[in-house]
Amino acid sequence: MSCIELLNDLLNAFGPSGYEGPVAAVFQREMEKTADHVETDRVGNVIARYDGKNPDSAVIMAFAHMDSIGFMVRKIEKDGCIGLDRLGGVPEKVLPGLNLCVRTVDGKLIGGVIGSKSHHTVSEEEKYRVHKITELYLDIGTVSAAQTRGLGIEVGCPAAYRPFTQQLAGDFISGAFIDNRGGLTALAMAGGLLRANRPASTVYLVGTVWEEFNLRGAVLAARRIRPDISISLDAALAGDTRDLENRYETACGKGPVLIHYTFHGRGTLNGTLSHDGLARLTVAAAGEARLPLQHFAGIGVLTDSAYVQLEGEGPAALELGFPVRYTHTPAEVVNVSDILRLGQLLAAVTERIGPGFDLNRY
């Protein structure tokens, strides 16, 4: 399956945090084409193993999260409308008027729209105010709580943006959940390359759960695998829009990204400083493979790597990414070539790690 075909399949799968099953099914199906062994652990991580040629070489775990941001049903109103809460970092300013899907108790998807007060009745003050999620409601077309419940919707049901993809000019596409279905696609592309050209190390390519919720799914995979090296693949903030051009150098269509530094800075003192030896190896690998490479460092971002790096004796951690515009909105934008090249870069990096690689930070 081509890069764009797999990405489209993943983008059209419902999978907010804790409910990644449809995404996991697509990802597992693809990994079974190339991996030596694929399994799903108890919490839902999909773990694909590629056996290396040298048992003395470092064990590598590369991972991308399968889940997306979403919503949880908080309350069902008398008029049938649904009160929601955020499941992950949903930007509230984009919500009024959006189409969502709610998963019923028995797994069906029901469409709905977040109500937006009719424009003709909105006061000047209301026009410029961002409403909190608890002030908004989801309209699914029912007229009573009993009718809503009769469709199988209850408090605790998950919801997410309606799956969406749109072809833009050239290799650009827009869609919901590009963060991080793009990372999963890159893992699958790397898997095909590892199958054809075995590295010294045994490599695990893992689709993880819960990243947008609490960044703990990858931790459980790491405890099972016990990697010496961890490589996170995730969205990198693109700096090629007029609102961010003075903040970052990253640009869509200019290749994968070596992420040197991430730090959440809000609510948790956690982040990742990529292992210096792995960073230098990445630069060399990109050069030898004639792949373009961009660099990113920024505050306000946190990935699974932040917690995986604390497991065991402390795996040497590396963060790689692909530039994405408008992150966490239902219309993220990416250049597909960056995802394909990220898969190529991951394979090139793993192929250059052998028994003598120094795992120490310095």
Foldseek 3Di string as FASTA:
>chain_A
DDLVVLLLLLLQFAFAFQRLVSNLVSLLVLLVVFAPDWDADPSGKIKGKHAFDAPLFFEEEEEAASHAKWWFFADQDFQRWTQIDTQFDADQQQAAFFKKWWQFPVGDTAIWHKHDPPPVPDDPVRVPDRDDSRVIITCRPGGGNVVNVVVRHDGGIIMHGRRDKDDDPDQKIWFACVWPSLQSSLLSLLSNVCSVPPANHIYMYMHFGCWRRPLCRVQVVCVVRVGQAYEYEGEDAAQPDPVRVVPFDHHFPQAKEWEQWEAQPPPDGWIDGAQPLLSVLLVVLCVVVVTGYHYDYDYNDHGSQRPNQPPDPGHRYTYMYAYWYPPNHRIIMHRSVRSSRSSVSVNSSRNPGTSPRDRDSD
